[in-house]
Every structure is written in C-alpha cells, then in structure tokens.
C-alpha cells in the first residue's frame, strides 16, 4: 500500500504506528495509515486483516479535590 520512499512498516510490525497518515478524520476520531491500519483517538486500532487492537491508554493517578 505504501508507495513513498523510505517505505512504512507493515501493519504487523512492532513499529507500525510510524506509518504515514493518508486520511485523517479528527471530527470522527480516526485516521488511516498507509499500511492500511485505522487508528482511533482512544488508541484502539483496526488492522487491515480485520483484527481489533484494544485501546492501550495508561491511566494516571487520580486527582484528589482539596
């Protein structure tokens, strides 16, 4: 899918997040990468083979109101 120089990593490689964004829809909360992966604002992903990657957000400490 990737046609630019310095090809992007394929969707099943560990660094696939470095692929170039080819379509961005921030109003809908997703972007399409040139490797065919759809990434969502909540850090979830949909891979080209239909596999779903759950969001992998890290939770910080809860703020306590004084």
C-alpha atoms as a PDB file:
ATOM      1  CA  UNK A   1       0.000   0.000   0.000  1.00  0.00           C
ATOM      2  CA  UNK A   2       2.848   2.364   0.832  1.00  0.00           C
ATOM      3  CA  UNK A   3       4.245   3.985  -2.307  1.00  0.00           C
ATOM      4  CA  UNK A   4       6.544   6.705  -0.951  1.00  0.00           C
ATOM      5  CA  UNK A   5      10.300   6.445  -0.445  1.00  0.00           C
ATOM      6  CA  UNK A   6      11.506   5.001   2.795  1.00  0.00           C
ATOM      7  CA  UNK A   7       8.575   2.598   2.933  1.00  0.00           C
ATOM      8  CA  UNK A   8       6.459   2.473   6.053  1.00  0.00           C
ATOM      9  CA  UNK A   9       6.477  -0.615   8.253  1.00  0.00           C
ATOM     10  CA  UNK A  10       3.810  -3.225   7.574  1.00  0.00           C
ATOM     11  CA  UNK A  11       0.777  -3.427   9.853  1.00  0.00           C
ATOM     12  CA  UNK A  12       2.011  -6.414  11.875  1.00  0.00           C
ATOM     13  CA  UNK A  13       5.424  -4.960  12.740  1.00  0.00           C
ATOM     14  CA  UNK A  14       6.014  -3.526  16.230  1.00  0.00           C
ATOM     15  CA  UNK A  15       6.640  -0.010  14.867  1.00  0.00           C
ATOM     16  CA  UNK A  16       3.600   0.139  12.555  1.00  0.00           C
ATOM     17  CA  UNK A  17       2.468   3.344  14.305  1.00  0.00           C
ATOM     18  CA  UNK A  18       5.160   5.235  12.402  1.00  0.00           C
ATOM     19  CA  UNK A  19       3.333   4.752   9.092  1.00  0.00           C
ATOM     20  CA  UNK A  20       2.229   7.918   7.290  1.00  0.00           C
ATOM     21  CA  UNK A  21      -1.336   9.170   7.737  1.00  0.00           C
ATOM     22  CA  UNK A  22      -3.074   9.142   4.355  1.00  0.00           C
ATOM     23  CA  UNK A  23      -6.552  10.203   5.542  1.00  0.00           C
ATOM     24  CA  UNK A  24      -7.398  11.992   8.775  1.00  0.00           C
ATOM     25  CA  UNK A  25     -10.889  12.477  10.166  1.00  0.00           C
ATOM     26  CA  UNK A  26     -10.383  14.106  13.581  1.00  0.00           C
ATOM     27  CA  UNK A  27     -14.056  15.105  13.698  1.00  0.00           C
ATOM     28  CA  UNK A  28     -14.868  11.379  13.678  1.00  0.00           C
ATOM     29  CA  UNK A  29     -11.905  10.331  15.810  1.00  0.00           C
ATOM     30  CA  UNK A  30      -9.895   8.198  13.370  1.00  0.00           C
ATOM     31  CA  UNK A  31      -7.064   8.226  10.832  1.00  0.00           C
ATOM     32  CA  UNK A  32      -5.997   5.819   8.084  1.00  0.00           C
ATOM     33  CA  UNK A  33      -2.315   4.934   7.862  1.00  0.00           C
ATOM     34  CA  UNK A  34      -0.623   3.992   4.589  1.00  0.00           C
ATOM     35  CA  UNK A  35      -0.157   0.423   5.855  1.00  0.00           C
ATOM     36  CA  UNK A  36      -3.958   0.050   5.960  1.00  0.00           C
ATOM     37  CA  UNK A  37      -4.326   0.388   9.728  1.00  0.00           C
ATOM     38  CA  UNK A  38      -7.120   2.571  11.097  1.00  0.00           C
ATOM     39  CA  UNK A  39      -6.125   4.242  14.363  1.00  0.00           C
ATOM     40  CA  UNK A  40      -8.670   5.781  16.704  1.00  0.00           C
ATOM     41  CA  UNK A  41      -8.286   8.718  19.074  1.00  0.00           C
ATOM     42  CA  UNK A  42      -8.808   6.387  22.052  1.00  0.00           C
ATOM     43  CA  UNK A  43      -5.641   4.478  20.927  1.00  0.00           C
ATOM     44  CA  UNK A  44      -7.612   1.491  19.611  1.00  0.00           C
ATOM     45  CA  UNK A  45      -6.836   0.150  16.141  1.00  0.00           C
ATOM     46  CA  UNK A  46      -8.393  -1.827  13.330  1.00  0.00           C
ATOM     47  CA  UNK A  47      -5.778  -3.737  11.330  1.00  0.00           C
ATOM     48  CA  UNK A  48      -6.141  -4.441   7.593  1.00  0.00           C
ATOM     49  CA  UNK A  49      -6.915  -8.116   8.279  1.00  0.00           C
ATOM     50  CA  UNK A  50      -9.891  -7.122  10.472  1.00  0.00           C
ATOM     51  CA  UNK A  51      -8.120  -7.760  13.772  1.00  0.00           C
ATOM     52  CA  UNK A  52      -9.105  -5.345  16.550  1.00  0.00           C
ATOM     53  CA  UNK A  53      -6.469  -3.891  18.879  1.00  0.00           C
ATOM     54  CA  UNK A  54      -7.973  -2.674  22.140  1.00  0.00           C
ATOM     55  CA  UNK A  55      -7.116   0.817  23.391  1.00  0.00           C
ATOM     56  CA  UNK A  56      -3.852   0.858  25.317  1.00  0.00           C
ATOM     57  CA  UNK A  57      -4.111   4.052  27.269  1.00  0.00           C
ATOM     58  CA  UNK A  58      -2.234   4.336  30.523  1.00  0.00           C
ATOM     59  CA  UNK A  59      -4.151   5.713  33.438  1.00  0.00           C
ATOM     60  CA  UNK A  60      -2.501   8.360  35.527  1.00  0.00           C
ATOM     61  CA  UNK A  61      -3.082   8.982  39.210  1.00  0.00           C
ATOM     62  CA  UNK A  62      -6.499  10.294  40.126  1.00  0.00           C
ATOM     63  CA  UNK A  63      -6.581  13.900  41.273  1.00  0.00           C
ATOM     64  CA  UNK A  64      -7.987  14.421  44.728  1.00  0.00           C
ATOM     65  CA  UNK A  65     -10.067  17.562  45.282  1.00  0.00           C
ATOM     66  CA  UNK A  66      -8.811  19.606  48.199  1.00  0.00           C
END
